[in-house]
């Protein structure tokens, strides 16, 4: 039995036939986005242990909802004046403890405090976020977006607050 004849491999550089102008236009567009701001390491974000979870009643049916922080991520940019703009994504885990056939909402109250190097509060804010929970759904994982500006030697503290 004869072995099949294998021809030598040839490569075709077809991308060289592509017009260069569109590629240069795309490269210029991407380069224009690259210089928008200088990303820097984010200041510390902390939460006191006794404020990372809690129970609250839903707004419509008064069902008990277990809520807790489920992670925080941040992207930070250095501003021209030396401050740092923090864009946070605060993850939450909401668990309705009672079986419920109603669409419902729950209000989430979060306190924020900007703390300086001497552990003094130099600014604070309150976030109120409403999350919807569908009928027959027990779990919900909303993400709360929040933006704050801090000095380089400051940190951010977040805390779940009880409903008013």
Protein backbone atom coordinates (compact mmCIF):
# COMPACT_ATOMS: atom_id res chain seq x y z
CA UNK A 1 0.00 0.00 0.00
CA UNK A 2 1.33 3.39 -0.95
CA UNK A 3 1.36 6.23 1.51
CA UNK A 4 -0.53 9.34 0.45
CA UNK A 5 1.45 12.21 -0.94
CA UNK A 6 1.51 15.16 1.39
CA UNK A 7 2.11 18.51 -0.19
CA UNK A 8 4.15 21.12 1.64
CA UNK A 9 2.08 23.57 3.69
CA UNK A 10 1.66 27.00 2.30
CA UNK A 11 0.40 29.96 4.24
CA UNK A 12 -1.58 32.73 2.72
CA UNK A 13 -1.34 36.14 4.26
CA UNK A 14 -4.82 37.27 3.29
CA UNK A 15 -4.91 39.95 5.95
CA UNK A 16 -2.35 41.89 3.92
CA UNK A 17 -5.00 42.36 1.26
CA UNK A 18 -7.30 44.11 3.76
CA UNK A 19 -7.52 47.88 3.29
CA UNK A 20 -5.39 49.63 5.89
CA UNK A 21 -7.55 52.77 6.31
CA UNK A 22 -10.39 51.07 8.30
CA UNK A 23 -7.87 49.40 10.59
CA UNK A 24 -6.13 52.70 11.26
CA UNK A 25 -9.49 54.35 11.99
CA UNK A 26 -10.39 51.69 14.55
CA UNK A 27 -6.94 51.98 16.16
CA UNK A 28 -7.31 55.77 16.41
CA UNK A 29 -10.75 55.39 17.99
CA UNK A 30 -9.44 52.97 20.61
CA UNK A 31 -6.43 55.16 21.33
CA UNK A 32 -8.75 58.11 21.94
CA UNK A 33 -10.52 56.18 24.69
CA UNK A 34 -7.29 55.14 26.40
CA UNK A 35 -6.35 58.56 27.77
CA UNK A 36 -9.63 59.46 29.53
CA UNK A 37 -8.30 59.15 33.08
CA UNK A 38 -5.63 57.60 35.21
CA UNK A 39 -6.85 54.55 37.08
CA UNK A 40 -5.32 54.21 40.53
CA UNK A 41 -5.49 51.77 43.42
CA UNK A 42 -8.71 52.29 45.34
CA UNK A 43 -8.77 53.39 48.96
CA UNK A 44 -9.93 50.82 51.47
CA UNK A 45 -13.64 50.00 51.69
CA UNK A 46 -14.75 48.45 55.00
CA UNK A 47 -17.95 47.54 56.83
CA UNK A 48 -18.37 47.01 60.57
CA UNK A 49 -19.18 43.34 61.22
CA UNK A 50 -22.46 44.07 62.95
CA UNK A 51 -23.75 46.00 59.92
CA UNK A 52 -23.07 43.56 57.05
CA UNK A 53 -26.42 41.78 57.36
CA UNK A 54 -29.88 42.31 58.77
CA UNK A 55 -33.57 41.52 58.48
CA UNK A 56 -36.23 43.79 57.09
CA UNK A 57 -39.87 43.60 56.08
CA UNK A 58 -40.78 43.86 52.42
CA UNK A 59 -42.70 46.96 51.36
CA UNK A 60 -45.95 45.41 50.12
CA UNK A 61 -46.60 42.12 51.93
CA UNK A 62 -44.43 42.65 55.04
CA UNK A 63 -42.56 39.40 54.37
CA UNK A 64 -39.28 38.98 56.26
CA UNK A 65 -36.24 39.52 54.02
CA UNK A 66 -32.71 38.52 55.05
CA UNK A 67 -30.28 40.96 53.44
CA UNK A 68 -26.49 41.06 53.43
CA UNK A 69 -23.57 42.52 51.58
CA UNK A 70 -22.37 40.13 48.90
CA UNK A 71 -19.13 41.80 47.85
CA UNK A 72 -17.97 45.22 46.76
CA UNK A 73 -15.92 46.09 43.70
CA UNK A 74 -14.57 49.48 42.74
CA UNK A 75 -12.81 51.29 39.93
CA UNK A 76 -10.93 54.42 40.97
CA UNK A 77 -9.70 57.34 38.93
CA UNK A 78 -7.26 60.09 39.92
CA UNK A 79 -8.77 63.54 39.40
CA UNK A 80 -6.84 66.65 38.37
CA UNK A 81 -6.98 68.09 41.91
CA UNK A 82 -5.44 64.94 43.46
CA UNK A 83 -8.70 63.47 44.75
CA UNK A 84 -9.84 59.95 43.88
CA UNK A 85 -13.23 59.23 42.31
CA UNK A 86 -14.51 55.82 43.41
CA UNK A 87 -17.14 54.06 41.30
CA UNK A 88 -18.44 51.25 43.49
CA UNK A 89 -20.66 48.28 42.78
CA UNK A 90 -22.14 47.06 46.05
CA UNK A 91 -23.44 43.51 45.72
CA UNK A 92 -26.36 42.45 47.88
CA UNK A 93 -28.00 39.11 48.64
CA UNK A 94 -31.70 39.26 49.46
CA UNK A 95 -33.55 36.18 50.65
CA UNK A 96 -37.29 36.22 51.27
CA UNK A 97 -37.79 33.85 54.19
CA UNK A 98 -41.49 33.22 53.64
CA UNK A 99 -43.03 31.62 50.54
CA UNK A 100 -44.94 34.37 48.83
CA UNK A 101 -47.00 34.50 45.63
CA UNK A 102 -46.82 38.30 45.31
CA UNK A 103 -44.46 40.57 43.43
CA UNK A 104 -42.92 42.74 46.10
CA UNK A 105 -40.23 45.33 46.76
CA UNK A 106 -37.80 45.84 49.59
CA UNK A 107 -36.04 49.09 50.42
CA UNK A 108 -32.33 48.82 51.18
CA UNK A 109 -30.79 51.57 53.30
CA UNK A 110 -27.01 51.93 53.34
CA UNK A 111 -24.97 54.52 55.22
CA UNK A 112 -21.60 55.60 53.88
CA UNK A 113 -18.90 57.48 55.75
CA UNK A 114 -15.64 58.92 54.44
CA UNK A 115 -13.03 58.52 57.19
CA UNK A 116 -9.65 60.28 57.28
CA UNK A 117 -6.28 58.95 58.47
CA UNK A 118 -7.13 59.96 62.08
CA UNK A 119 -10.37 57.90 61.99
CA UNK A 120 -12.52 61.03 61.92
CA UNK A 121 -15.63 61.09 59.75
CA UNK A 122 -15.22 63.87 57.20
CA UNK A 123 -18.30 63.12 55.11
CA UNK A 124 -21.31 60.84 55.03
CA UNK A 125 -24.19 59.89 52.80
CA UNK A 126 -27.21 57.62 52.73
CA UNK A 127 -28.17 55.35 49.86
CA UNK A 128 -31.77 54.20 49.44
CA UNK A 129 -32.28 51.47 46.85
CA UNK A 130 -35.48 49.61 46.06
CA UNK A 131 -35.19 46.05 44.79
CA UNK A 132 -38.05 44.12 43.27
CA UNK A 133 -38.67 40.49 44.17
CA UNK A 134 -40.81 38.45 41.80
CA UNK A 135 -43.60 36.19 42.97
CA UNK A 136 -42.40 32.71 43.98
CA UNK A 137 -38.80 33.94 43.98
CA UNK A 138 -36.84 33.58 47.18
CA UNK A 139 -33.42 34.98 46.16
CA UNK A 140 -32.34 38.22 44.54
CA UNK A 141 -28.80 39.55 43.92
CA UNK A 142 -29.06 43.27 43.14
CA UNK A 143 -26.00 45.46 42.57
CA UNK A 144 -26.09 49.05 43.80
CA UNK A 145 -23.92 51.56 41.92
CA UNK A 146 -22.46 54.39 43.97
CA UNK A 147 -19.94 57.14 43.23
CA UNK A 148 -17.96 59.08 45.84
CA UNK A 149 -14.88 61.30 45.78
CA UNK A 150 -12.25 60.92 48.51
CA UNK A 151 -8.76 62.18 49.30
CA UNK A 152 -5.85 59.73 48.86
CA UNK A 153 -5.46 59.23 52.64
CA UNK A 154 -9.16 58.56 53.27
CA UNK A 155 -11.23 55.38 53.26
CA UNK A 156 -14.90 54.51 52.83
CA UNK A 157 -17.06 52.72 55.40
CA UNK A 158 -20.42 51.23 54.37
CA UNK A 159 -23.14 49.92 56.70
CA UNK A 160 -26.60 48.45 56.29
CA UNK A 161 -29.15 50.56 58.14
CA UNK A 162 -32.44 49.43 59.65
CA UNK A 163 -35.55 50.64 57.87
CA UNK A 164 -36.86 53.93 59.24
